Amino acid sequence: MDIVKCLHVISVVLIVTSIYASDPVVLADSLSDYNRSFEVLANGTVLYIDDDGKFTLVSIDVPMKTVSFLNDWNPEEYGWVNPGMIICFDLSPDGEYICFCQQVSVPDNLQTGDQYIPGPVLVGVCRADGTGARPLVVSFEVGSGPHFRFTQDSRHIFGSPLLECPATPEGFASFVTRDNDDDLIEGYIVDIQDGTRSGGNGYILGDGFYKNPWCNLIATGSYPTDMIADAVTGEVFLRDTTYSGNEIICNWVLPDAGLAEDGNQQILRYSDGTKVVNPGEPVSVFGRLEDGRNVFSRGGISHTVLLGLIDWTDFSSEDADTLSGLEDFIDLWTSVDATPDGKILVFSSGSSRELYRYDLP
């Protein structure tokens, strides 16, 4: 490495101070093995899926005291039977609604001869307090799916796979057995108020997608993802034709850009195709606070967890603080959220079933 490049790399090394908050506190120890995601709600509770596949709440202020969620929801009222696990969910950007996917079955009287109808997944919506739950569409389990997210206006959901039938056992049975193709419903964008659909056949969703938390951009296409598109308009902004085997976006970190790999180097890739090469150690971002600060580490998954603003023009973060006490809790699958006031971090990891609270000073 020549002296100029060496000096440049040194210039972006973190200048950090160490801040001691509190040791992580276990909020809950029963996160689902299937899905470790969670959401911090506005009322100071955290919503997650427990090891029985049920929606569960825990208060940030009262660790290990959990209560069930969706107490007034019963899919059998809509004709479904054997309601099973909730397998994924999403909180609307305005914090008012929750979209969720739950395993259900069709009644025995809808089975046809020797053909056993496969198990559907009911996609529903409710208010953030769990009331007003109702079915919207029907999906099924495939690969890492189903996967449904809210649009930024909080008025619609979109996702895949989304079946072209009503969200009723009869509609699903007819669709699966192909008794009637005349009433197929097109559209992958669903209005959460009246269930109407729009958007066409949803081809841009491909085999899966990663939604940007701050806009309607998605990394989507083949597997691995190979294009950046707008989930609502269907406009494709960037397509990777190199077939490099890397995701076009691994982790969204800005409203128009995300981290990715390009050969043996880490880059920040913008939706217009602009790339910024990381001149130093790889950055792993686990979450972002509302004030723009990131919870992250450098050099892969290191034993140092940092909190601070990142200058994405050169990947530097000169004012980052070291979060003491988190060294042994972070792995590749760690997800971090924060309370709206930015004083408390909530996180989970892929290596355990615990949900943690971490107080910032």
Protein backbone atom coordinates (compact mmCIF):
# COMPACT_ATOMS: atom_id res chain seq x y z
CA MET A 1 0.00 0.00 0.00
CA ASP A 2 1.50 3.36 -0.97
CA ILE A 3 1.89 6.10 1.63
CA VAL A 4 -0.93 8.27 0.21
CA LYS A 5 -3.47 5.45 0.34
CA CYS A 6 -2.24 4.46 3.79
CA LEU A 7 -2.75 7.97 5.10
CA HIS A 8 -6.26 8.05 3.59
CA VAL A 9 -7.24 4.83 5.30
CA ILE A 10 -5.87 6.13 8.59
CA SER A 11 -7.88 9.32 8.14
CA VAL A 12 -11.20 7.45 8.19
CA VAL A 13 -10.40 5.30 11.21
CA LEU A 14 -12.82 6.05 14.00
CA ILE A 15 -12.05 8.60 16.64
CA VAL A 16 -14.25 7.18 19.39
CA THR A 17 -14.97 7.70 23.01
CA SER A 18 -16.30 4.99 25.24
CA ILE A 19 -19.61 5.54 26.94
CA TYR A 20 -20.92 3.21 29.58
CA ALA A 21 -24.63 2.76 29.65
CA SER A 22 -26.11 -0.22 31.48
CA ASP A 23 -25.61 -3.90 30.92
CA PRO A 24 -28.22 -5.37 28.58
CA VAL A 25 -31.39 -6.48 30.33
CA VAL A 26 -33.43 -9.43 29.04
CA LEU A 27 -36.94 -8.23 28.20
CA ALA A 28 -38.17 -11.62 26.97
CA ASP A 29 -36.58 -15.02 26.42
CA SER A 30 -39.08 -16.69 24.12
CA LEU A 31 -38.57 -15.25 20.64
CA SER A 32 -39.61 -17.57 17.84
CA ASP A 33 -36.92 -19.68 16.21
CA TYR A 34 -38.70 -19.00 12.93
CA ASN A 35 -38.74 -15.20 13.12
CA ARG A 36 -36.75 -13.01 15.53
CA SER A 37 -38.16 -9.69 14.33
CA PHE A 38 -39.79 -7.21 16.70
CA GLU A 39 -41.26 -3.69 16.73
CA VAL A 40 -41.06 -0.98 19.36
CA LEU A 41 -44.55 0.50 19.62
CA ALA A 42 -45.41 4.08 20.55
CA ASN A 43 -46.94 3.06 23.89
CA GLY A 44 -43.65 1.75 25.27
CA THR A 45 -44.22 -1.93 24.53
CA VAL A 46 -42.37 -4.27 22.20
CA LEU A 47 -44.25 -6.63 19.89
CA TYR A 48 -42.71 -9.93 18.82
CA ILE A 49 -43.61 -13.51 17.86
CA ASP A 50 -43.01 -16.02 20.67
CA ASP A 51 -41.87 -19.64 20.45
CA ASP A 52 -45.49 -20.80 20.14
CA GLY A 53 -45.94 -18.63 17.05
CA LYS A 54 -48.20 -16.17 18.88
CA PHE A 55 -48.08 -12.38 19.00
CA THR A 56 -46.70 -11.27 22.36
CA LEU A 57 -46.09 -7.90 24.05
CA VAL A 58 -43.59 -6.94 26.71
CA SER A 59 -43.24 -3.53 28.32
CA ILE A 60 -39.83 -1.90 28.04
CA ASP A 61 -40.20 -0.92 31.71
CA VAL A 62 -41.32 -4.32 33.02
CA PRO A 63 -38.92 -7.03 31.75
CA MET A 64 -40.12 -10.64 31.49
CA LYS A 65 -43.77 -9.76 32.09
CA THR A 66 -45.37 -10.66 28.77
CA VAL A 67 -48.97 -10.49 27.62
CA SER A 68 -50.71 -11.86 24.55
CA PHE A 69 -51.71 -9.65 21.62
CA LEU A 70 -54.63 -9.81 19.17
CA ASN A 71 -57.04 -11.08 21.83
CA ASP A 72 -60.08 -10.31 19.67
CA TRP A 73 -58.76 -12.04 16.53
CA ASN A 74 -60.22 -15.39 15.47
CA PRO A 75 -59.75 -16.58 11.85
CA GLU A 76 -62.46 -19.20 12.41
CA GLU A 77 -65.03 -16.40 12.38
CA TYR A 78 -64.12 -16.00 8.70
CA GLY A 79 -64.48 -19.71 7.91
CA TRP A 80 -60.87 -20.83 8.39
CA VAL A 81 -59.93 -23.62 10.78
CA ASN A 82 -56.89 -24.66 12.81
CA PRO A 83 -55.28 -21.22 13.13
CA GLY A 84 -51.57 -21.76 13.56
CA MET A 85 -48.37 -19.75 13.85
CA ILE A 86 -48.02 -16.11 13.01
CA ILE A 87 -44.91 -16.22 10.86
CA CYS A 88 -44.14 -12.58 10.03
CA PHE A 89 -45.43 -9.05 10.52
CA ASP A 90 -44.78 -5.39 9.73
CA LEU A 91 -45.57 -2.09 11.47
CA SER A 92 -46.85 0.74 9.28
CA PRO A 93 -44.57 3.80 8.98
CA ASP A 94 -47.09 5.95 10.85
CA GLY A 95 -47.21 3.39 13.67
CA GLU A 96 -50.99 2.98 13.39
CA TYR A 97 -51.36 -0.48 11.81
CA ILE A 98 -49.82 -3.94 11.85
CA CYS A 99 -49.84 -6.38 8.95
CA PHE A 100 -49.36 -10.06 9.84
CA CYS A 101 -49.30 -13.50 8.21
CA GLN A 102 -50.81 -16.52 9.98
CA GLN A 103 -51.05 -20.18 9.08
CA VAL A 104 -54.61 -21.47 8.68
CA SER A 105 -56.42 -24.43 7.10
CA VAL A 106 -59.50 -24.91 4.99
CA PRO A 107 -62.44 -26.88 6.42
CA ASP A 108 -62.74 -30.60 5.65
CA ASN A 109 -65.83 -30.04 3.54
CA LEU A 110 -63.73 -28.08 1.01
CA GLN A 111 -61.30 -30.95 0.44
CA THR A 112 -61.89 -32.65 -2.91
CA GLY A 113 -61.51 -36.41 -3.15
CA ASP A 114 -57.93 -37.62 -2.84
CA GLN A 115 -56.54 -34.16 -3.45
CA TYR A 116 -55.49 -32.48 -0.21
CA ILE A 117 -55.48 -28.71 -0.47
CA PRO A 118 -52.17 -27.29 0.80
CA GLY A 119 -52.17 -25.02 3.82
CA PRO A 120 -52.73 -21.33 3.11
CA VAL A 121 -51.36 -18.34 4.98
CA LEU A 122 -53.88 -15.63 5.84
CA VAL A 123 -52.58 -12.06 5.54
CA GLY A 124 -54.40 -9.74 7.92
CA VAL A 125 -54.23 -6.24 9.31
CA CYS A 126 -55.12 -4.67 12.65
CA ARG A 127 -54.62 -1.45 14.55
CA ALA A 128 -51.44 -1.07 16.60
CA ASP A 129 -53.39 -1.87 19.78
CA GLY A 130 -54.53 -5.19 18.30
CA THR A 131 -58.13 -4.21 17.64
CA GLY A 132 -60.00 -4.32 14.35
CA ALA A 133 -58.17 -7.37 13.00
CA ARG A 134 -59.46 -8.59 9.65
CA PRO A 135 -58.20 -10.69 6.71
CA LEU A 136 -56.99 -8.99 3.54
CA VAL A 137 -55.47 -11.56 1.17
CA VAL A 138 -54.22 -15.15 1.04
CA SER A 139 -50.65 -16.36 0.59
CA PHE A 140 -48.66 -19.54 1.24
CA GLU A 141 -45.24 -20.46 2.59
CA VAL A 142 -42.40 -20.71 0.10
CA GLY A 143 -38.65 -20.25 0.57
CA SER A 144 -38.16 -17.36 2.98
CA GLY A 145 -41.68 -16.06 2.34
CA PRO A 146 -44.33 -14.97 2.54
CA HIS A 147 -43.15 -11.40 2.87
CA PHE A 148 -45.49 -8.40 3.14
CA ARG A 149 -44.68 -4.77 3.89
CA PHE A 150 -46.47 -1.45 4.19
CA THR A 151 -46.07 1.29 1.62
CA GLN A 152 -44.81 4.60 2.98
CA ASP A 153 -48.32 6.10 2.99
CA SER A 154 -49.34 3.41 5.55
CA ARG A 155 -52.53 2.88 3.55
CA HIS A 156 -51.44 -0.15 1.53
CA ILE A 157 -49.51 -3.37 1.83
CA PHE A 158 -47.66 -5.25 -0.89
CA GLY A 159 -45.84 -8.54 -1.01
CA SER A 160 -45.43 -12.04 -2.31
CA PRO A 161 -46.62 -14.65 -2.86
CA LEU A 162 -50.08 -13.11 -3.16
CA LEU A 163 -52.79 -15.39 -4.52
CA GLU A 164 -55.35 -14.11 -7.02
CA CYS A 165 -58.38 -15.08 -4.97
CA PRO A 166 -60.60 -13.71 -2.20
CA ALA A 167 -59.40 -14.12 1.39
CA THR A 168 -61.97 -16.85 2.07
CA PRO A 169 -61.64 -20.64 2.36
CA GLU A 170 -63.98 -21.04 -0.63
CA GLY A 171 -61.96 -18.61 -2.74
CA PHE A 172 -58.71 -20.35 -1.85
CA ALA A 173 -60.10 -23.84 -2.54
CA SER A 174 -61.41 -22.71 -5.92
CA PHE A 175 -58.07 -21.15 -6.79
CA VAL A 176 -56.03 -24.23 -5.81
CA THR A 177 -58.29 -26.74 -7.56
CA ARG A 178 -58.74 -24.44 -10.58
CA ASP A 179 -62.49 -24.94 -10.55
CA ASN A 180 -62.97 -21.40 -11.74
CA ASP A 181 -60.40 -19.01 -13.22
CA ASP A 182 -62.92 -16.39 -14.27
CA ASP A 183 -62.81 -14.38 -11.07
CA LEU A 184 -59.06 -14.16 -10.49
CA ILE A 185 -58.07 -10.89 -8.81
CA GLU A 186 -55.03 -9.04 -10.15
CA GLY A 187 -52.89 -6.62 -8.20
CA TYR A 188 -50.08 -6.91 -5.64
CA ILE A 189 -50.74 -3.61 -3.82
CA VAL A 190 -53.65 -3.91 -1.38
CA ASP A 191 -55.65 -1.10 0.23
CA ILE A 192 -55.87 -1.98 3.93
CA GLN A 193 -59.26 -0.29 4.34
CA ASP A 194 -61.31 -1.95 1.60
CA GLY A 195 -59.03 -4.70 0.27
CA THR A 196 -58.98 -3.39 -3.32
CA ARG A 197 -55.88 -4.22 -5.32
CA SER A 198 -53.75 -2.37 -7.85
CA GLY A 199 -50.34 -2.48 -9.47
CA GLY A 200 -50.68 -5.32 -11.96
CA ASN A 201 -49.03 -8.71 -11.57
CA GLY A 202 -46.20 -7.66 -9.25
CA TYR A 203 -43.44 -9.06 -11.45
CA ILE A 204 -40.88 -6.71 -9.89
CA LEU A 205 -41.12 -8.53 -6.55
CA GLY A 206 -39.37 -11.56 -8.01
CA ASP A 207 -38.27 -14.24 -5.57
CA GLY A 208 -38.09 -11.79 -2.69
CA PHE A 209 -37.32 -8.23 -1.81
CA TYR A 210 -35.76 -5.94 0.79
CA LYS A 211 -37.75 -2.78 1.42
CA ASN A 212 -36.07 0.52 2.22
CA PRO A 213 -37.36 1.66 5.67
CA TRP A 214 -37.63 5.31 4.55
CA CYS A 215 -39.23 5.10 1.11
CA ASN A 216 -40.86 2.70 -1.36
CA LEU A 217 -37.61 1.53 -2.93
CA ILE A 218 -36.94 -2.21 -2.85
CA ALA A 219 -34.00 -4.41 -3.71
CA THR A 220 -35.64 -7.16 -5.70
CA GLY A 221 -35.57 -9.34 -8.81
CA SER A 222 -33.76 -12.66 -8.93
CA TYR A 223 -32.02 -14.39 -6.06
CA PRO A 224 -29.69 -12.83 -5.11
CA THR A 225 -31.50 -9.54 -5.72
CA ASP A 226 -30.36 -7.84 -8.91
CA MET A 227 -32.39 -4.65 -9.28
CA ILE A 228 -33.60 -1.57 -7.43
CA ALA A 229 -37.20 -0.56 -8.10
CA ASP A 230 -40.06 1.49 -6.72
CA ALA A 231 -42.54 -0.94 -5.16
CA VAL A 232 -45.53 1.31 -5.87
CA THR A 233 -44.90 2.65 -9.37
CA GLY A 234 -43.00 -0.40 -10.64
CA GLU A 235 -40.24 1.82 -12.03
CA VAL A 236 -36.86 0.04 -12.20
CA PHE A 237 -33.99 2.40 -11.38
CA LEU A 238 -31.04 0.04 -11.58
CA ARG A 239 -30.45 -3.50 -12.80
CA ASP A 240 -27.30 -5.55 -12.26
CA THR A 241 -26.42 -7.39 -15.46
CA THR A 242 -23.03 -8.68 -14.28
CA TYR A 243 -24.43 -11.77 -12.51
CA SER A 244 -21.81 -11.34 -9.81
CA GLY A 245 -23.64 -13.47 -7.26
CA ASN A 246 -23.85 -10.57 -4.78
CA GLU A 247 -26.99 -8.83 -3.58
CA ILE A 248 -27.51 -5.48 -5.30
CA ILE A 249 -28.29 -4.13 -1.80
CA CYS A 250 -27.47 -6.04 1.38
CA ASN A 251 -28.64 -3.45 3.89
CA TRP A 252 -30.42 -0.15 3.27
CA VAL A 253 -28.74 2.67 5.22
CA LEU A 254 -30.08 5.77 3.41
CA PRO A 255 -33.36 6.64 1.67
CA ASP A 256 -31.65 6.14 -1.70
CA ALA A 257 -28.67 3.87 -0.97
CA GLY A 258 -27.54 0.72 0.77
CA LEU A 259 -24.46 -1.33 1.55
CA ALA A 260 -23.39 -4.04 -0.88
CA GLU A 261 -20.40 -6.08 -1.99
CA ASP A 262 -18.59 -5.47 -5.27
CA GLY A 263 -15.91 -8.06 -5.79
CA ASN A 264 -13.81 -8.08 -2.62
CA GLN A 265 -14.75 -4.58 -1.52
CA GLN A 266 -17.65 -3.05 0.35
CA ILE A 267 -19.53 -0.26 -1.39
CA LEU A 268 -22.40 2.10 -0.81
CA ARG A 269 -24.68 1.73 -3.85
CA TYR A 270 -27.17 4.46 -4.75
CA SER A 271 -30.34 3.83 -6.72
CA ASP A 272 -28.96 5.87 -9.63
CA GLY A 273 -25.98 3.51 -9.92
CA THR A 274 -23.43 5.70 -8.14
CA LYS A 275 -20.99 3.70 -6.01
CA VAL A 276 -18.83 4.83 -3.11
CA VAL A 277 -16.03 2.42 -2.22
CA ASN A 278 -15.30 1.85 1.45
CA PRO A 279 -11.55 2.59 1.82
CA GLY A 280 -11.26 0.95 5.22
CA GLU A 281 -12.67 -1.92 7.23
CA PRO A 282 -16.14 -3.26 6.40
CA VAL A 283 -19.02 -1.59 8.22
CA SER A 284 -21.91 -3.64 9.66
CA VAL A 285 -24.98 -1.53 10.45
CA PHE A 286 -27.49 -3.07 12.88
CA GLY A 287 -29.95 -0.21 13.23
CA ARG A 288 -30.50 3.51 12.87
CA LEU A 289 -31.96 5.96 15.36
CA GLU A 290 -34.43 8.69 14.37
CA ASP A 291 -31.69 11.33 14.71
CA GLY A 292 -29.64 9.58 12.00
CA ARG A 293 -27.08 7.89 14.24
CA ASN A 294 -26.25 4.28 13.46
CA VAL A 295 -25.54 1.32 15.72
CA PHE A 296 -22.69 -0.43 13.92
CA SER A 297 -19.32 -2.15 14.06
CA ARG A 298 -16.24 -2.24 11.85
CA GLY A 299 -14.10 -5.09 10.59
CA GLY A 300 -17.00 -7.47 10.20
CA ILE A 301 -18.71 -8.57 13.39
CA SER A 302 -16.20 -7.28 15.91
CA HIS A 303 -16.42 -7.08 19.68
CA THR A 304 -16.80 -3.29 19.54
CA VAL A 305 -20.25 -1.81 19.02
CA LEU A 306 -20.44 1.85 18.05
CA LEU A 307 -23.07 4.57 18.00
CA GLY A 308 -22.72 7.63 15.82
CA LEU A 309 -23.22 9.37 12.50
CA ILE A 310 -21.48 7.86 9.50
CA ASP A 311 -20.21 10.10 6.72
CA TRP A 312 -21.07 7.98 3.72
CA THR A 313 -18.78 9.93 1.41
CA ASP A 314 -15.79 8.17 2.98
CA PHE A 315 -17.34 5.81 5.59
CA SER A 316 -15.80 7.80 8.45
CA SER A 317 -17.45 8.36 11.82
CA GLU A 318 -15.23 10.63 13.84
CA ASP A 319 -17.63 11.26 16.71
CA ALA A 320 -18.81 7.70 17.27
CA ASP A 321 -19.05 6.35 20.80
CA THR A 322 -18.27 2.82 21.92
CA LEU A 323 -21.25 1.14 23.52
CA SER A 324 -19.67 -0.74 26.41
CA GLY A 325 -21.40 -3.90 27.49
CA LEU A 326 -22.63 -4.99 24.05
CA GLU A 327 -19.46 -6.79 22.99
CA ASP A 328 -20.80 -10.32 23.44
CA PHE A 329 -24.33 -9.75 22.15
CA ILE A 330 -23.87 -8.75 18.51
CA ASP A 331 -23.80 -11.13 15.55
CA LEU A 332 -24.54 -11.04 11.83
CA TRP A 333 -28.30 -11.24 12.41
CA THR A 334 -28.58 -8.61 15.12
CA SER A 335 -31.46 -6.16 14.72
CA VAL A 336 -31.56 -2.92 16.72
CA ASP A 337 -34.41 -0.47 17.23
CA ALA A 338 -34.85 2.41 19.65
CA THR A 339 -37.55 4.21 21.56
CA PRO A 340 -38.69 7.44 19.85
CA ASP A 341 -36.72 9.55 22.33
CA GLY A 342 -33.53 7.67 21.44
CA LYS A 343 -32.73 6.82 25.06
CA ILE A 344 -33.27 3.07 24.99
CA LEU A 345 -32.08 0.48 22.47
CA VAL A 346 -33.99 -2.76 21.95
CA PHE A 347 -32.26 -5.57 20.12
CA SER A 348 -32.30 -9.24 19.26
CA SER A 349 -29.71 -11.49 17.65
CA GLY A 350 -29.81 -14.57 15.51
CA SER A 351 -27.90 -16.69 17.99
CA SER A 352 -30.38 -16.53 20.86
CA ARG A 353 -34.10 -16.24 21.58
CA GLU A 354 -33.69 -13.28 23.92
CA LEU A 355 -34.96 -9.76 23.41
CA TYR A 356 -32.83 -7.13 25.18
CA ARG A 357 -33.07 -3.60 26.50
CA TYR A 358 -30.00 -1.37 26.62
CA ASP A 359 -30.18 2.08 28.22
CA LEU A 360 -28.12 4.89 26.75
CA PRO A 361 -26.76 7.55 29.15
